[in-house]
Amino acid sequence: MFVEGMLKLKVNREKTECAYIGRLKYLGYGFYVCNGMCRLRLHEKSKTKLRRKLKQVTSRSNGMGYEQRKTLLRNYLQGWSEYFNYADMGNKVVEIDRWLRRRLRMCIWKSWKKPRTRVKNLMRCGIGR
């Protein structure tokens, strides 16, 4: 092999893969071919890892307050979006946003424990009796 023989580099056979570009993952990015050009996309494992982290932060029972949760989410999502800003994400970002908003509504609903508090806060949000 050229890499091991001529360049004297050690190759990890478990990690090294020679495959079609659509199946490869590199640093969280996936690849696809469009109009004869190779483009970057968000790999499914990266999306799964993001959802797992967001699920952990938006858990109803982790004892975080609004401000702490908001700060943690802002920092994590800002870093994540900066890292993956070269990827063509299309509808995946919209889908993740919908899911995250639902999780946040769930946290808010859980924090309004009593029915009386829920009614009062819903009316404060503009919903009639």
Protein backbone atom coordinates (compact mmCIF):
# COMPACT_ATOMS: atom_id res chain seq x y z
CA MET A 1 0.00 0.00 0.00
CA PHE A 2 1.32 3.44 -0.96
CA VAL A 3 0.51 5.13 2.37
CA GLU A 4 2.23 2.51 4.50
CA GLY A 5 5.06 1.65 2.10
CA MET A 6 6.16 4.96 0.62
CA LEU A 7 4.93 7.45 3.21
CA LYS A 8 5.73 5.21 6.22
CA LEU A 9 2.38 6.02 7.87
CA LYS A 10 0.45 3.57 9.97
CA VAL A 11 -3.12 2.91 8.78
CA ASN A 12 -5.83 1.79 11.17
CA ARG A 13 -7.69 -0.86 9.15
CA GLU A 14 -10.81 -0.65 11.36
CA LYS A 15 -11.28 3.09 10.78
CA THR A 16 -10.06 3.30 7.21
CA GLU A 17 -12.67 2.70 4.58
CA CYS A 18 -12.72 2.77 0.82
CA ALA A 19 -16.34 3.22 -0.23
CA TYR A 20 -18.76 5.25 -2.31
CA ILE A 21 -18.68 8.88 -1.19
CA GLY A 22 -22.38 8.88 -0.25
CA ARG A 23 -21.75 6.42 2.59
CA LEU A 24 -18.71 8.10 4.12
CA LYS A 25 -18.66 10.26 7.25
CA TYR A 26 -15.84 12.64 8.08
CA LEU A 27 -15.81 14.97 11.11
CA GLY A 28 -19.60 14.78 11.36
CA TYR A 29 -20.18 15.66 7.72
CA GLY A 30 -21.59 13.37 5.09
CA PHE A 31 -21.07 13.76 1.37
CA TYR A 32 -23.27 13.59 -1.70
CA VAL A 33 -22.88 14.26 -5.39
CA CYS A 34 -25.01 16.94 -7.07
CA ASN A 35 -24.49 18.01 -10.69
CA GLY A 36 -21.12 16.27 -10.76
CA MET A 37 -19.84 18.13 -7.69
CA CYS A 38 -19.27 16.70 -4.24
CA ARG A 39 -21.27 18.58 -1.60
CA LEU A 40 -21.37 18.46 2.20
CA ARG A 41 -24.41 17.40 4.19
CA LEU A 42 -25.22 16.69 7.81
CA HIS A 43 -24.57 13.04 8.61
CA GLU A 44 -27.35 11.10 10.32
CA LYS A 45 -25.13 10.25 13.30
CA SER A 46 -24.48 13.96 13.87
CA LYS A 47 -28.20 14.67 13.79
CA THR A 48 -28.84 11.83 16.25
CA LYS A 49 -26.11 13.12 18.56
CA LEU A 50 -27.61 16.63 18.47
CA ARG A 51 -31.09 15.33 19.30
CA ARG A 52 -29.69 13.24 22.17
CA LYS A 53 -27.96 16.29 23.67
CA LEU A 54 -31.04 18.49 23.25
CA LYS A 55 -33.19 15.81 24.83
CA GLN A 56 -30.84 15.72 27.81
CA VAL A 57 -30.97 19.52 28.22
CA THR A 58 -34.75 19.73 27.80
CA SER A 59 -35.51 16.85 30.13
CA ARG A 60 -38.41 17.68 32.44
CA SER A 61 -36.70 16.26 35.48
CA ASN A 62 -33.20 17.73 35.35
CA GLY A 63 -34.06 20.61 37.71
CA MET A 64 -32.82 23.41 35.46
CA GLY A 65 -34.53 26.76 35.52
CA TYR A 66 -35.55 28.75 32.45
CA GLU A 67 -32.44 30.93 32.38
CA GLN A 68 -29.94 28.12 32.85
CA ARG A 69 -31.65 25.98 30.21
CA LYS A 70 -31.86 28.92 27.80
CA THR A 71 -28.16 29.77 28.25
CA LEU A 72 -27.07 26.17 27.80
CA LEU A 73 -29.21 25.74 24.69
CA ARG A 74 -28.02 29.01 23.17
CA ASN A 75 -24.36 28.14 23.66
CA TYR A 76 -24.70 24.59 22.37
CA LEU A 77 -26.81 25.44 19.33
CA GLN A 78 -24.66 28.42 18.40
CA GLY A 79 -21.50 26.29 18.45
CA TRP A 80 -23.22 23.46 16.61
CA SER A 81 -24.57 25.71 13.86
CA GLU A 82 -21.18 27.41 13.43
CA TYR A 83 -19.47 24.04 13.08
CA PHE A 84 -21.96 22.69 10.55
CA ASN A 85 -22.55 25.93 8.61
CA TYR A 86 -20.92 24.50 5.45
CA ALA A 87 -23.39 21.61 5.27
CA ASP A 88 -26.51 21.65 3.11
CA MET A 89 -29.11 20.91 5.75
CA GLY A 90 -32.33 21.89 4.00
CA ASN A 91 -35.39 20.78 5.95
CA LYS A 92 -33.40 19.04 8.69
CA VAL A 93 -32.93 22.31 10.58
CA VAL A 94 -36.64 23.10 10.36
CA GLU A 95 -37.47 19.61 11.61
CA ILE A 96 -35.05 19.89 14.55
CA ASP A 97 -36.42 23.37 15.38
CA ARG A 98 -40.02 22.07 15.47
CA TRP A 99 -38.99 19.20 17.69
CA LEU A 100 -37.01 21.46 20.05
CA ARG A 101 -39.88 23.94 20.38
CA ARG A 102 -42.21 21.09 21.32
CA ARG A 103 -39.71 19.95 23.95
CA LEU A 104 -39.48 23.47 25.37
CA ARG A 105 -43.29 23.74 25.54
CA MET A 106 -43.26 20.44 27.40
CA CYS A 107 -40.77 21.85 29.96
CA ILE A 108 -42.87 24.97 30.47
CA TRP A 109 -46.07 22.93 30.89
CA LYS A 110 -44.34 20.72 33.45
CA SER A 111 -43.19 23.76 35.43
CA TRP A 112 -46.81 24.97 35.68
CA LYS A 113 -47.71 22.16 38.04
CA LYS A 114 -51.21 23.02 39.24
CA PRO A 115 -54.24 23.43 36.95
CA ARG A 116 -54.90 26.86 38.46
CA THR A 117 -51.38 28.00 37.50
CA ARG A 118 -51.80 26.58 33.99
CA VAL A 119 -55.06 28.47 33.47
CA LYS A 120 -53.59 31.71 34.84
CA ASN A 121 -50.46 31.49 32.66
CA LEU A 122 -52.40 30.51 29.52
CA MET A 123 -54.66 33.52 30.02
CA ARG A 124 -51.54 35.68 30.47
CA CYS A 125 -50.33 34.36 27.08
CA GLY A 126 -53.53 35.60 25.43
CA ILE A 127 -55.68 32.47 25.38
CA GLY A 128 -59.28 33.04 26.56
CA ARG A 129 -60.98 31.10 29.30
